[in-house]
PDB file of N, CA and C in Angstrom:
ATOM      1  N   MET A   1      -7.052  17.720  26.176  1.00  0.00           N
ATOM      2  CA  MET A   1      -6.931  17.595  24.911  1.00  0.00           C
ATOM      3  C   MET A   1      -5.427  16.967  24.982  1.00  0.00           C
ATOM      4  N   LYS A   2      -5.693  15.753  24.071  1.00  0.00           N
ATOM      5  CA  LYS A   2      -5.137  14.459  23.890  1.00  0.00           C
ATOM      6  C   LYS A   2      -3.903  14.838  22.862  1.00  0.00           C
ATOM      7  N   PHE A   3      -2.384  15.270  22.629  1.00  0.00           N
ATOM      8  CA  PHE A   3      -2.111  15.305  21.189  1.00  0.00           C
ATOM      9  C   PHE A   3      -0.826  13.946  20.948  1.00  0.00           C
ATOM     10  N   THR A   4      -0.931  13.378  19.635  1.00  0.00           N
ATOM     11  CA  THR A   4       0.100  12.343  19.683  1.00  0.00           C
ATOM     12  C   THR A   4       1.171  13.071  18.959  1.00  0.00           C
ATOM     13  N   PRO A   5       2.570  12.728  19.998  1.00  0.00           N
ATOM     14  CA  PRO A   5       3.371  13.234  19.578  1.00  0.00           C
ATOM     15  C   PRO A   5       4.094  13.026  17.534  1.00  0.00           C
ATOM     16  N   PRO A   6       4.650  13.897  17.251  1.00  0.00           N
ATOM     17  CA  PRO A   6       4.880  14.309  16.373  1.00  0.00           C
ATOM     18  C   PRO A   6       5.805  12.845  15.337  1.00  0.00           C
ATOM     19  N   ASP A   7       6.450  12.514  16.022  1.00  0.00           N
ATOM     20  CA  ASP A   7       7.599  11.284  15.650  1.00  0.00           C
ATOM     21  C   ASP A   7       6.634  10.279  15.346  1.00  0.00           C
ATOM     22  N   THR A   8       5.731   9.768  16.714  1.00  0.00           N
ATOM     23  CA  THR A   8       4.413   8.957  16.415  1.00  0.00           C
ATOM     24  C   THR A   8       3.607   8.646  15.324  1.00  0.00           C
ATOM     25  N   CYS A   9       3.234   9.894  14.810  1.00  0.00           N
ATOM     26  CA  CYS A   9       2.800  10.575  13.653  1.00  0.00           C
ATOM     27  C   CYS A   9       3.407  10.034  12.395  1.00  0.00           C
ATOM     28  N   LEU A  10       4.560  10.474  12.512  1.00  0.00           N
ATOM     29  CA  LEU A  10       5.659  10.635  11.099  1.00  0.00           C
ATOM     30  C   LEU A  10       5.759   8.848  10.843  1.00  0.00           C
ATOM     31  N   GLU A  11       6.084   8.148  12.253  1.00  0.00           N
ATOM     32  CA  GLU A  11       6.312   6.581  12.097  1.00  0.00           C
ATOM     33  C   GLU A  11       5.017   5.444  11.048  1.00  0.00           C
ATOM     34  N   ASP A  12       3.421   6.818  12.124  1.00  0.00           N
ATOM     35  CA  ASP A  12       2.826   6.048  11.100  1.00  0.00           C
ATOM     36  C   ASP A  12       2.729   5.515   9.489  1.00  0.00           C
ATOM     37  N   TYR A  13       2.770   7.364   9.555  1.00  0.00           N
ATOM     38  CA  TYR A  13       2.529   7.704   7.954  1.00  0.00           C
ATOM     39  C   TYR A  13       4.142   6.831   7.519  1.00  0.00           C
ATOM     40  N   GLU A  14       4.985   6.925   8.180  1.00  0.00           N
ATOM     41  CA  GLU A  14       6.161   5.888   7.202  1.00  0.00           C
ATOM     42  C   GLU A  14       5.529   4.468   7.091  1.00  0.00           C
ATOM     43  N   LYS A  15       4.920   3.830   7.789  1.00  0.00           N
ATOM     44  CA  LYS A  15       4.326   2.307   7.620  1.00  0.00           C
ATOM     45  C   LYS A  15       3.172   1.702   7.020  1.00  0.00           C
ATOM     46  N   ARG A  16       2.323   3.172   6.896  1.00  0.00           N
ATOM     47  CA  ARG A  16       1.080   2.979   6.001  1.00  0.00           C
ATOM     48  C   ARG A  16       1.826   3.656   4.639  1.00  0.00           C
ATOM     49  N   ARG A  17       2.184   4.345   4.522  1.00  0.00           N
ATOM     50  CA  ARG A  17       3.297   4.764   3.151  1.00  0.00           C
ATOM     51  C   ARG A  17       3.800   3.377   2.614  1.00  0.00           C
ATOM     52  N   GLY A  18       4.882   2.729   3.206  1.00  0.00           N
ATOM     53  CA  GLY A  18       5.480   1.394   3.116  1.00  0.00           C
ATOM     54  C   GLY A  18       4.466   0.287   2.419  1.00  0.00           C
ATOM     55  N   ALA A  19       3.438  -0.124   3.268  1.00  0.00           N
ATOM     56  CA  ALA A  19       2.678  -0.758   3.065  1.00  0.00           C
ATOM     57  C   ALA A  19       1.402  -0.250   1.748  1.00  0.00           C
ATOM     58  N   PHE A  20       0.967   0.896   1.499  1.00  0.00           N
ATOM     59  CA  PHE A  20       0.598   1.199   0.585  1.00  0.00           C
ATOM     60  C   PHE A  20       1.313   1.034  -1.194  1.00  0.00           C
ATOM     61  N   LEU A  21       2.791   1.195  -0.748  1.00  0.00           N
ATOM     62  CA  LEU A  21       3.504   1.422  -1.873  1.00  0.00           C
ATOM     63  C   LEU A  21       3.822  -0.301  -2.236  1.00  0.00           C
ATOM     64  N   LYS A  22       3.628  -1.356  -1.335  1.00  0.00           N
ATOM     65  CA  LYS A  22       4.673  -2.677  -1.250  1.00  0.00           C
ATOM     66  C   LYS A  22       3.111  -3.369  -2.204  1.00  0.00           C
ATOM     67  N   ASP A  23       1.710  -2.594  -1.957  1.00  0.00           N
ATOM     68  CA  ASP A  23       0.070  -3.361  -2.503  1.00  0.00           C
ATOM     69  C   ASP A  23       0.609  -2.957  -3.608  1.00  0.00           C
ATOM     70  N   LEU A  24       0.295  -1.607  -4.144  1.00  0.00           N
ATOM     71  CA  LEU A  24       0.849  -0.626  -5.154  1.00  0.00           C
ATOM     72  C   LEU A  24       1.546  -1.806  -6.173  1.00  0.00           C
ATOM     73  N   ILE A  25       2.714  -1.483  -5.957  1.00  0.00           N
ATOM     74  CA  ILE A  25       4.006  -2.765  -6.774  1.00  0.00           C
ATOM     75  C   ILE A  25       3.302  -4.305  -7.232  1.00  0.00           C
ATOM     76  N   ALA A  26       2.753  -4.907  -6.062  1.00  0.00           N
ATOM     77  CA  ALA A  26       2.059  -5.955  -6.427  1.00  0.00           C
ATOM     78  C   ALA A  26       1.190  -6.107  -7.048  1.00  0.00           C
ATOM     79  N   PHE A  27       0.577  -4.927  -7.438  1.00  0.00           N
ATOM     80  CA  PHE A  27      -1.119  -5.373  -8.065  1.00  0.00           C
ATOM     81  C   PHE A  27      -1.065  -4.451  -8.844  1.00  0.00           C
ATOM     82  N   THR A  28      -0.070  -3.377  -9.417  1.00  0.00           N
ATOM     83  CA  THR A  28      -0.254  -2.539 -10.303  1.00  0.00           C
ATOM     84  C   THR A  28       0.750  -2.747 -11.381  1.00  0.00           C
ATOM     85  N   PRO A  29       1.054  -3.319 -12.402  1.00  0.00           N
ATOM     86  CA  PRO A  29       2.195  -3.462 -13.136  1.00  0.00           C
ATOM     87  C   PRO A  29       2.761  -2.215 -13.937  1.00  0.00           C
ATOM     88  N   ASN A  30       1.458  -1.351 -14.636  1.00  0.00           N
ATOM     89  CA  ASN A  30       1.436  -0.379 -14.905  1.00  0.00           C
ATOM     90  C   ASN A  30       2.417   0.694 -14.286  1.00  0.00           C
ATOM     91  N   VAL A  31       3.761   1.266 -14.922  1.00  0.00           N
ATOM     92  CA  VAL A  31       4.523   2.048 -13.951  1.00  0.00           C
ATOM     93  C   VAL A  31       4.268   3.263 -13.724  1.00  0.00           C
ATOM     94  N   SER A  32       3.194   4.146 -14.951  1.00  0.00           N
ATOM     95  CA  SER A  32       2.960   5.422 -14.708  1.00  0.00           C
ATOM     96  C   SER A  32       1.440   5.040 -14.040  1.00  0.00           C
ATOM     97  N   VAL A  33       1.129   4.366 -14.266  1.00  0.00           N
ATOM     98  CA  VAL A  33      -0.224   4.667 -12.958  1.00  0.00           C
ATOM     99  C   VAL A  33      -0.071   3.980 -11.346  1.00  0.00           C
ATOM    100  N   ARG A  34       1.184   3.582 -11.588  1.00  0.00           N
ATOM    101  CA  ARG A  34       1.416   3.513 -10.017  1.00  0.00           C
ATOM    102  C   ARG A  34       2.124   4.309  -9.622  1.00  0.00           C
ATOM    103  N   ALA A  35       2.581   5.044 -10.663  1.00  0.00           N
ATOM    104  CA  ALA A  35       3.561   6.552  -9.932  1.00  0.00           C
ATOM    105  C   ALA A  35       2.018   7.208  -9.651  1.00  0.00           C
ATOM    106  N   LYS A  36       1.493   7.679 -10.380  1.00  0.00           N
ATOM    107  CA  LYS A  36      -0.017   8.873 -10.091  1.00  0.00           C
ATOM    108  C   LYS A  36      -0.256   8.144  -9.298  1.00  0.00           C
ATOM    109  N   GLU A  37      -1.130   6.857  -9.225  1.00  0.00           N
ATOM    110  CA  GLU A  37      -1.630   6.519  -7.353  1.00  0.00           C
ATOM    111  C   GLU A  37      -0.509   6.915  -6.246  1.00  0.00           C
ATOM    112  N   PHE A  38       0.482   6.383  -6.488  1.00  0.00           N
ATOM    113  CA  PHE A  38       1.357   6.773  -5.240  1.00  0.00           C
ATOM    114  C   PHE A  38       1.552   8.330  -5.038  1.00  0.00           C
ATOM    115  N   ARG A  39       1.506   9.331  -5.957  1.00  0.00           N
ATOM    116  CA  ARG A  39       1.261  10.990  -6.043  1.00  0.00           C
ATOM    117  C   ARG A  39       0.012  11.101  -5.005  1.00  0.00           C
ATOM    118  N   ARG A  40      -0.950  10.596  -5.541  1.00  0.00           N
ATOM    119  CA  ARG A  40      -2.154  10.959  -5.460  1.00  0.00           C
ATOM    120  C   ARG A  40      -2.327  10.157  -3.790  1.00  0.00           C
ATOM    121  N   TRP A  41      -1.450   9.152  -3.322  1.00  0.00           N
ATOM    122  CA  TRP A  41      -1.745   8.654  -1.752  1.00  0.00           C
ATOM    123  C   TRP A  41      -1.007   9.719  -1.274  1.00  0.00           C
ATOM    124  N   ILE A  42       0.003   9.990  -1.156  1.00  0.00           N
ATOM    125  CA  ILE A  42       1.004  11.004  -1.003  1.00  0.00           C
ATOM    126  C   ILE A  42      -0.095  12.174  -0.642  1.00  0.00           C
ATOM    127  N   ASP A  43      -0.013  13.132  -1.598  1.00  0.00           N
ATOM    128  CA  ASP A  43      -1.386  14.037  -1.201  1.00  0.00           C
ATOM    129  C   ASP A  43      -2.491  14.167  -0.682  1.00  0.00           C
ATOM    130  N   GLU A  44      -2.744  13.189  -0.589  1.00  0.00           N
ATOM    131  CA  GLU A  44      -4.069  12.849   0.484  1.00  0.00           C
ATOM    132  C   GLU A  44      -3.721  12.863   1.770  1.00  0.00           C
ATOM    133  N   ASN A  45      -2.324  12.000   2.231  1.00  0.00           N
ATOM    134  CA  ASN A  45      -1.837  11.352   3.476  1.00  0.00           C
ATOM    135  C   ASN A  45      -0.804  12.204   4.307  1.00  0.00           C
ATOM    136  N   SER A  46      -0.287  12.861   3.473  1.00  0.00           N
ATOM    137  CA  SER A  46       1.077  13.467   3.758  1.00  0.00           C
ATOM    138  C   SER A  46       0.558  14.263   5.420  1.00  0.00           C
ATOM    139  N   PRO A  47       1.620  14.026   6.051  1.00  0.00           N
ATOM    140  CA  PRO A  47       1.032  14.302   7.389  1.00  0.00           C
ATOM    141  C   PRO A  47       1.904  15.953   7.326  1.00  0.00           C
ATOM    142  N   TYR A  48       2.259  16.678   6.128  1.00  0.00           N
ATOM    143  CA  TYR A  48       2.729  17.826   6.539  1.00  0.00           C
ATOM    144  C   TYR A  48       1.654  18.630   5.425  1.00  0.00           C
ATOM    145  N   ARG A  49       0.925  18.556   4.916  1.00  0.00           N
ATOM    146  CA  ARG A  49      -0.274  18.775   3.788  1.00  0.00           C
ATOM    147  C   ARG A  49      -1.310  19.555   5.147  1.00  0.00           C
ATOM    148  N   ASP A  50      -1.608  20.736   5.120  1.00  0.00           N
ATOM    149  CA  ASP A  50      -2.824  21.272   5.985  1.00  0.00           C
ATOM    150  C   ASP A  50      -3.957  20.074   5.742  1.00  0.00           C
ATOM    151  N   GLU A  51      -5.358  20.460   6.530  1.00  0.00           N
ATOM    152  CA  GLU A  51      -5.953  19.737   6.169  1.00  0.00           C
ATOM    153  C   GLU A  51      -7.300  20.154   5.042  1.00  0.00           C
ATOM    154  N   ASP A  52      -7.059  21.739   4.426  1.00  0.00           N
ATOM    155  CA  ASP A  52      -8.094  22.437   3.345  1.00  0.00           C
ATOM    156  C   ASP A  52      -7.200  21.801   1.999  1.00  0.00           C
ATOM    157  N   THR A  53      -5.803  22.004   2.060  1.00  0.00           N
ATOM    158  CA  THR A  53      -5.461  20.992   0.813  1.00  0.00           C
ATOM    159  C   THR A  53      -5.949  19.790   0.444  1.00  0.00           C
ATOM    160  N   ARG A  54      -6.078  18.977   1.893  1.00  0.00           N
ATOM    161  CA  ARG A  54      -5.829  17.567   1.505  1.00  0.00           C
ATOM    162  C   ARG A  54      -7.638  17.488   1.587  1.00  0.00           C
ATOM    163  N   ASN A  55      -8.593  18.322   1.852  1.00  0.00           N
ATOM    164  CA  ASN A  55     -10.073  18.003   1.465  1.00  0.00           C
ATOM    165  C   ASN A  55     -10.252  18.753   0.048  1.00  0.00           C
ATOM    166  N   HIS A  56      -9.750  19.874  -0.201  1.00  0.00           N
ATOM    167  CA  HIS A  56      -9.923  19.905  -1.507  1.00  0.00           C
ATOM    168  C   HIS A  56      -9.291  19.170  -2.900  1.00  0.00           C
ATOM    169  N   ARG A  57      -8.273  18.356  -2.226  1.00  0.00           N
ATOM    170  CA  ARG A  57      -7.593  17.668  -3.639  1.00  0.00           C
ATOM    171  C   ARG A  57      -8.619  16.340  -3.732  1.00  0.00           C
ATOM    172  N   ALA A  58      -8.878  15.893  -2.574  1.00  0.00           N
ATOM    173  CA  ALA A  58      -9.831  14.435  -2.699  1.00  0.00           C
ATOM    174  C   ALA A  58     -11.635  15.094  -3.221  1.00  0.00           C
ATOM    175  N   ALA A  59     -11.902  16.710  -3.006  1.00  0.00           N
ATOM    176  CA  ALA A  59     -13.013  16.522  -3.945  1.00  0.00           C
ATOM    177  C   ALA A  59     -12.443  16.844  -5.292  1.00  0.00           C
ATOM    178  N   GLU A  60     -11.190  17.201  -6.065  1.00  0.00           N
ATOM    179  CA  GLU A  60     -10.947  17.066  -6.802  1.00  0.00           C
ATOM    180  C   GLU A  60     -11.224  15.876  -7.661  1.00  0.00           C
ATOM    181  N   ASN A  61     -10.780  14.907  -7.069  1.00  0.00           N
ATOM    182  CA  ASN A  61     -10.369  13.535  -7.238  1.00  0.00           C
ATOM    183  C   ASN A  61     -11.876  12.805  -7.869  1.00  0.00           C
ATOM    184  N   PHE A  62     -12.750  13.317  -6.591  1.00  0.00           N
ATOM    185  CA  PHE A  62     -14.298  12.722  -6.682  1.00  0.00           C
ATOM    186  C   PHE A  62     -15.119  12.976  -7.658  1.00  0.00           C
ATOM    187  N   LEU A  63     -15.010  14.054  -7.582  1.00  0.00           N
ATOM    188  CA  LEU A  63     -15.571  14.805  -9.240  1.00  0.00           C
ATOM    189  C   LEU A  63     -14.757  14.132 -10.430  1.00  0.00           C
ATOM    190  N   LYS A  64     -13.615  14.095 -10.357  1.00  0.00           N
ATOM    191  CA  LYS A  64     -12.614  13.756 -11.589  1.00  0.00           C
ATOM    192  C   LYS A  64     -12.927  11.687 -12.074  1.00  0.00           C
ATOM    193  N   ASN A  65     -12.855  11.592 -10.791  1.00  0.00           N
ATOM    194  CA  ASN A  65     -12.798   9.878 -10.878  1.00  0.00           C
ATOM    195  C   ASN A  65     -14.691   9.008 -10.222  1.00  0.00           C
ATOM    196  N   GLY A  66     -15.073   9.955  -9.595  1.00  0.00           N
ATOM    197  CA  GLY A  66     -16.014   9.560  -8.600  1.00  0.00           C
ATOM    198  C   GLY A  66     -15.276   8.641  -7.556  1.00  0.00           C
ATOM    199  N   ARG A  67     -14.475   8.645  -7.445  1.00  0.00           N
ATOM    200  CA  ARG A  67     -14.253   8.276  -5.617  1.00  0.00           C
ATOM    201  C   ARG A  67     -13.414   8.848  -5.041  1.00  0.00           C
ATOM    202  N   PRO A  68     -12.797   8.678  -3.714  1.00  0.00           N
ATOM    203  CA  PRO A  68     -12.321   9.639  -3.040  1.00  0.00           C
ATOM    204  C   PRO A  68     -10.899   9.730  -3.137  1.00  0.00           C
TER     205      PRO A  68
END
């Protein structure tokens, strides 16, 4: 089984987070909505969260908003 080195995963996460935040700033004028979406993204994509917590949060969002 091949594992990705932790540093590579973290660099990829930081690039994806930066790209998401850049798009979020460009397309979401409301700061409160922007902050909520950014926290949601971090909750769902953080490399430090375990898979069960991530799946539980995604299920809650789907039930609340009708989207993953």
